[in-house]
Amino acid sequence: MAESDLQMKLALDRLRRRRRVYWVLFSLVVIGLFLVLRVPTQWSTAAPLIYVFVGGALIAYADLLMRQVECPRCKRSFFRQPAYWARRCANCGLPV
């Protein structure tokens, strides 16, 4: 296996891992928000607000990481914002 092939494989693995992390965080925040809003708490309004701010910060951080992903082939941004569900590079068409 050539070194460039190995670098391409590692870059694609890193891309796949970031995509998984983004969607897992997004799913957990959305599911957690529904649970926080449905379960009555002693804090009444503070718990959902804290959850929204912390969850929003987590999603914003994951979004920032996804915006920095570059295509290993063309070295340009892999995704068109915010189309993180895309399975190909927005510029050269490299499949994930």
N, C-alpha and C. Protein backbone atom coordinates (compact mmCIF):
# COMPACT_ATOMS: atom_id res chain seq x y z
N MET A 1 0.85 -1.18 0.00
CA MET A 1 0.00 0.00 0.00
C MET A 1 0.90 1.23 0.00
N ALA A 2 0.65 2.15 -0.91
CA ALA A 2 1.46 3.36 -1.00
C ALA A 2 1.12 4.30 0.16
N GLU A 3 2.07 5.17 0.46
CA GLU A 3 1.86 6.10 1.59
C GLU A 3 0.70 7.05 1.32
N SER A 4 0.52 7.45 0.05
CA SER A 4 -0.60 8.35 -0.25
C SER A 4 -1.94 7.65 -0.05
N ASP A 5 -1.98 6.34 -0.36
CA ASP A 5 -3.21 5.58 -0.11
C ASP A 5 -3.49 5.48 1.39
N LEU A 6 -2.44 5.28 2.15
CA LEU A 6 -2.59 5.19 3.61
C LEU A 6 -3.07 6.53 4.17
N GLN A 7 -2.52 7.63 3.69
CA GLN A 7 -2.95 8.95 4.16
C GLN A 7 -4.39 9.22 3.77
N MET A 8 -4.80 8.79 2.56
CA MET A 8 -6.18 8.97 2.12
C MET A 8 -7.11 8.16 3.02
N LYS A 9 -6.74 6.92 3.34
CA LYS A 9 -7.56 6.08 4.21
C LYS A 9 -7.70 6.69 5.60
N LEU A 10 -6.59 7.19 6.15
CA LEU A 10 -6.64 7.81 7.48
C LEU A 10 -7.51 9.07 7.46
N ALA A 11 -7.39 9.87 6.41
CA ALA A 11 -8.20 11.09 6.30
C ALA A 11 -9.68 10.75 6.19
N LEU A 12 -10.02 9.73 5.41
CA LEU A 12 -11.43 9.33 5.28
C LEU A 12 -11.95 8.73 6.58
N ASP A 13 -11.12 7.99 7.30
CA ASP A 13 -11.54 7.47 8.61
C ASP A 13 -11.81 8.60 9.59
N ARG A 14 -10.96 9.63 9.58
CA ARG A 14 -11.16 10.79 10.44
C ARG A 14 -12.46 11.51 10.07
N LEU A 15 -12.72 11.62 8.79
CA LEU A 15 -13.96 12.24 8.31
C LEU A 15 -15.18 11.45 8.77
N ARG A 16 -15.13 10.15 8.62
CA ARG A 16 -16.26 9.31 9.06
C ARG A 16 -16.48 9.42 10.55
N ARG A 17 -15.41 9.44 11.32
CA ARG A 17 -15.51 9.54 12.78
C ARG A 17 -16.15 10.88 13.18
N ARG A 18 -15.74 11.95 12.52
CA ARG A 18 -16.34 13.26 12.85
C ARG A 18 -17.81 13.31 12.49
N ARG A 19 -18.17 12.69 11.36
CA ARG A 19 -19.58 12.65 10.98
C ARG A 19 -20.40 11.90 12.02
N ARG A 20 -19.88 10.75 12.48
CA ARG A 20 -20.57 9.97 13.51
C ARG A 20 -20.73 10.76 14.80
N VAL A 21 -19.66 11.40 15.22
CA VAL A 21 -19.72 12.20 16.46
C VAL A 21 -20.75 13.31 16.32
N TYR A 22 -20.76 13.99 15.19
CA TYR A 22 -21.71 15.08 14.98
C TYR A 22 -23.15 14.57 15.10
N TRP A 23 -23.48 13.49 14.38
CA TRP A 23 -24.86 13.02 14.37
C TRP A 23 -25.26 12.40 15.71
N VAL A 24 -24.32 11.75 16.40
CA VAL A 24 -24.64 11.21 17.73
C VAL A 24 -24.91 12.35 18.71
N LEU A 25 -24.06 13.38 18.71
CA LEU A 25 -24.30 14.53 19.58
C LEU A 25 -25.62 15.21 19.26
N PHE A 26 -25.89 15.42 18.00
CA PHE A 26 -27.13 16.07 17.58
C PHE A 26 -28.33 15.25 18.04
N SER A 27 -28.28 13.93 17.83
CA SER A 27 -29.39 13.06 18.24
C SER A 27 -29.59 13.07 19.75
N LEU A 28 -28.49 12.99 20.49
CA LEU A 28 -28.59 12.99 21.95
C LEU A 28 -29.17 14.30 22.48
N VAL A 29 -28.78 15.41 21.89
CA VAL A 29 -29.31 16.69 22.34
C VAL A 29 -30.80 16.80 22.05
N VAL A 30 -31.22 16.38 20.87
CA VAL A 30 -32.64 16.46 20.52
C VAL A 30 -33.47 15.52 21.40
N ILE A 31 -33.01 14.29 21.57
CA ILE A 31 -33.74 13.34 22.41
C ILE A 31 -33.76 13.82 23.86
N GLY A 32 -32.62 14.29 24.35
CA GLY A 32 -32.55 14.80 25.71
C GLY A 32 -33.45 15.99 25.94
N LEU A 33 -33.56 16.85 24.94
CA LEU A 33 -34.45 18.01 25.08
C LEU A 33 -35.90 17.58 25.25
N PHE A 34 -36.32 16.60 24.45
CA PHE A 34 -37.68 16.10 24.61
C PHE A 34 -37.88 15.49 25.99
N LEU A 35 -36.89 14.76 26.48
CA LEU A 35 -37.01 14.16 27.81
C LEU A 35 -37.04 15.22 28.91
N VAL A 36 -36.20 16.23 28.80
CA VAL A 36 -36.16 17.29 29.81
C VAL A 36 -37.48 18.05 29.84
N LEU A 37 -38.06 18.29 28.67
CA LEU A 37 -39.32 19.04 28.62
C LEU A 37 -40.50 18.20 29.10
N ARG A 38 -40.43 16.88 28.99
CA ARG A 38 -41.55 16.04 29.39
C ARG A 38 -41.53 15.67 30.86
N VAL A 39 -40.35 15.59 31.45
CA VAL A 39 -40.24 15.17 32.84
C VAL A 39 -40.28 16.41 33.74
N PRO A 40 -41.24 16.47 34.66
CA PRO A 40 -41.27 17.62 35.56
C PRO A 40 -40.09 17.58 36.53
N THR A 41 -39.45 18.73 36.69
CA THR A 41 -38.31 18.80 37.59
C THR A 41 -38.59 19.81 38.69
N GLN A 42 -37.75 19.79 39.70
CA GLN A 42 -37.89 20.75 40.78
C GLN A 42 -37.44 22.13 40.33
N TRP A 43 -36.59 22.18 39.32
CA TRP A 43 -36.08 23.46 38.84
C TRP A 43 -37.02 24.10 37.85
N SER A 44 -38.06 23.45 37.47
CA SER A 44 -39.09 23.85 36.51
C SER A 44 -38.53 24.46 35.23
N THR A 45 -38.19 25.74 35.20
CA THR A 45 -37.76 26.36 33.95
C THR A 45 -36.25 26.39 33.79
N ALA A 46 -35.50 26.26 34.86
CA ALA A 46 -34.05 26.37 34.76
C ALA A 46 -33.43 25.16 34.06
N ALA A 47 -33.92 23.97 34.34
CA ALA A 47 -33.33 22.76 33.75
C ALA A 47 -33.41 22.76 32.22
N PRO A 48 -34.58 23.02 31.63
CA PRO A 48 -34.61 23.05 30.16
C PRO A 48 -33.74 24.16 29.57
N LEU A 49 -33.68 25.30 30.22
CA LEU A 49 -32.84 26.39 29.70
C LEU A 49 -31.36 26.04 29.75
N ILE A 50 -30.95 25.45 30.86
CA ILE A 50 -29.55 25.01 30.97
C ILE A 50 -29.25 23.96 29.91
N TYR A 51 -30.18 23.02 29.74
CA TYR A 51 -29.98 21.97 28.75
C TYR A 51 -29.90 22.56 27.34
N VAL A 52 -30.75 23.52 27.02
CA VAL A 52 -30.74 24.14 25.70
C VAL A 52 -29.40 24.84 25.46
N PHE A 53 -28.90 25.56 26.43
CA PHE A 53 -27.63 26.27 26.25
C PHE A 53 -26.45 25.30 26.14
N VAL A 54 -26.41 24.31 27.00
CA VAL A 54 -25.31 23.34 26.95
C VAL A 54 -25.41 22.50 25.67
N GLY A 55 -26.60 22.03 25.35
CA GLY A 55 -26.79 21.25 24.12
C GLY A 55 -26.48 22.07 22.88
N GLY A 56 -26.90 23.32 22.89
CA GLY A 56 -26.59 24.21 21.76
C GLY A 56 -25.09 24.43 21.61
N ALA A 57 -24.39 24.54 22.74
CA ALA A 57 -22.94 24.70 22.68
C ALA A 57 -22.27 23.45 22.13
N LEU A 58 -22.75 22.27 22.52
CA LEU A 58 -22.19 21.02 21.99
C LEU A 58 -22.41 20.91 20.49
N ILE A 59 -23.61 21.24 20.03
CA ILE A 59 -23.89 21.18 18.60
C ILE A 59 -23.07 22.22 17.85
N ALA A 60 -22.92 23.41 18.41
CA ALA A 60 -22.11 24.44 17.77
C ALA A 60 -20.65 24.01 17.66
N TYR A 61 -20.13 23.35 18.70
CA TYR A 61 -18.76 22.85 18.66
C TYR A 61 -18.60 21.77 17.60
N ALA A 62 -19.55 20.83 17.56
CA ALA A 62 -19.48 19.78 16.54
C ALA A 62 -19.62 20.38 15.14
N ASP A 63 -20.45 21.40 14.99
CA ASP A 63 -20.60 22.08 13.71
C ASP A 63 -19.29 22.74 13.30
N LEU A 64 -18.62 23.36 14.24
CA LEU A 64 -17.33 23.99 13.97
C LEU A 64 -16.31 22.95 13.49
N LEU A 65 -16.30 21.78 14.14
CA LEU A 65 -15.40 20.72 13.69
C LEU A 65 -15.73 20.24 12.29
N MET A 66 -17.00 20.13 11.98
CA MET A 66 -17.41 19.67 10.65
C MET A 66 -17.06 20.70 9.57
N ARG A 67 -17.14 21.97 9.87
CA ARG A 67 -16.79 23.00 8.88
C ARG A 67 -15.31 22.97 8.53
N GLN A 68 -14.48 22.44 9.43
CA GLN A 68 -13.05 22.41 9.20
C GLN A 68 -12.59 21.16 8.46
N VAL A 69 -13.48 20.24 8.16
CA VAL A 69 -13.10 19.02 7.46
C VAL A 69 -12.78 19.36 6.01
N GLU A 70 -11.59 18.97 5.61
CA GLU A 70 -11.22 19.19 4.21
C GLU A 70 -11.13 17.86 3.49
N CYS A 71 -11.38 17.90 2.21
CA CYS A 71 -11.32 16.70 1.39
C CYS A 71 -9.87 16.27 1.24
N PRO A 72 -9.58 14.98 1.45
CA PRO A 72 -8.19 14.53 1.31
C PRO A 72 -7.69 14.60 -0.13
N ARG A 73 -8.61 14.60 -1.11
CA ARG A 73 -8.18 14.64 -2.50
C ARG A 73 -7.96 16.06 -3.00
N CYS A 74 -8.95 16.93 -2.87
CA CYS A 74 -8.85 18.27 -3.46
C CYS A 74 -8.45 19.35 -2.45
N LYS A 75 -8.39 19.00 -1.16
CA LYS A 75 -7.97 19.91 -0.08
C LYS A 75 -8.90 21.12 0.09
N ARG A 76 -10.13 21.02 -0.38
CA ARG A 76 -11.13 22.07 -0.17
C ARG A 76 -12.15 21.55 0.84
N SER A 77 -13.07 22.39 1.23
CA SER A 77 -14.09 21.98 2.21
C SER A 77 -14.88 20.79 1.68
N PHE A 78 -15.02 19.75 2.52
CA PHE A 78 -15.70 18.54 2.07
C PHE A 78 -17.20 18.76 1.94
N PHE A 79 -17.79 19.50 2.86
CA PHE A 79 -19.24 19.68 2.89
C PHE A 79 -19.62 21.07 2.44
N ARG A 80 -20.80 21.17 1.86
CA ARG A 80 -21.42 22.47 1.68
C ARG A 80 -22.23 22.70 2.94
N GLN A 81 -22.12 23.85 3.52
CA GLN A 81 -22.71 24.10 4.84
C GLN A 81 -24.22 24.15 4.74
N PRO A 82 -24.98 23.58 5.59
CA PRO A 82 -24.66 22.56 6.58
C PRO A 82 -25.07 21.17 6.12
N ALA A 83 -24.73 20.77 4.92
CA ALA A 83 -25.14 19.47 4.37
C ALA A 83 -24.21 18.36 4.85
N TYR A 84 -24.22 18.07 6.15
CA TYR A 84 -23.32 17.07 6.73
C TYR A 84 -23.79 15.65 6.48
N TRP A 85 -24.93 15.48 5.86
CA TRP A 85 -25.40 14.15 5.52
C TRP A 85 -24.86 13.70 4.17
N ALA A 86 -24.17 14.59 3.45
CA ALA A 86 -23.64 14.26 2.12
C ALA A 86 -22.65 13.10 2.21
N ARG A 87 -22.69 12.25 1.22
CA ARG A 87 -21.81 11.08 1.18
C ARG A 87 -20.65 11.27 0.21
N ARG A 88 -20.58 12.44 -0.44
CA ARG A 88 -19.51 12.74 -1.40
C ARG A 88 -19.02 14.17 -1.17
N CYS A 89 -17.78 14.39 -1.57
CA CYS A 89 -17.21 15.74 -1.47
C CYS A 89 -18.03 16.69 -2.34
N ALA A 90 -18.27 17.88 -1.84
CA ALA A 90 -19.05 18.86 -2.58
C ALA A 90 -18.28 19.40 -3.79
N ASN A 91 -16.96 19.23 -3.81
CA ASN A 91 -16.16 19.80 -4.89
C ASN A 91 -15.70 18.78 -5.92
N CYS A 92 -15.08 17.67 -5.45
CA CYS A 92 -14.52 16.70 -6.39
C CYS A 92 -15.29 15.40 -6.47
N GLY A 93 -16.25 15.17 -5.57
CA GLY A 93 -17.08 13.96 -5.63
C GLY A 93 -16.48 12.74 -4.96
N LEU A 94 -15.45 12.88 -4.15
CA LEU A 94 -14.83 11.76 -3.45
C LEU A 94 -15.86 11.15 -2.49
N PRO A 95 -16.14 9.83 -2.62
CA PRO A 95 -17.13 9.22 -1.72
C PRO A 95 -16.53 8.98 -0.33
N VAL A 96 -17.41 9.03 0.67
CA VAL A 96 -17.00 8.73 2.04
C VAL A 96 -16.95 7.28 2.14
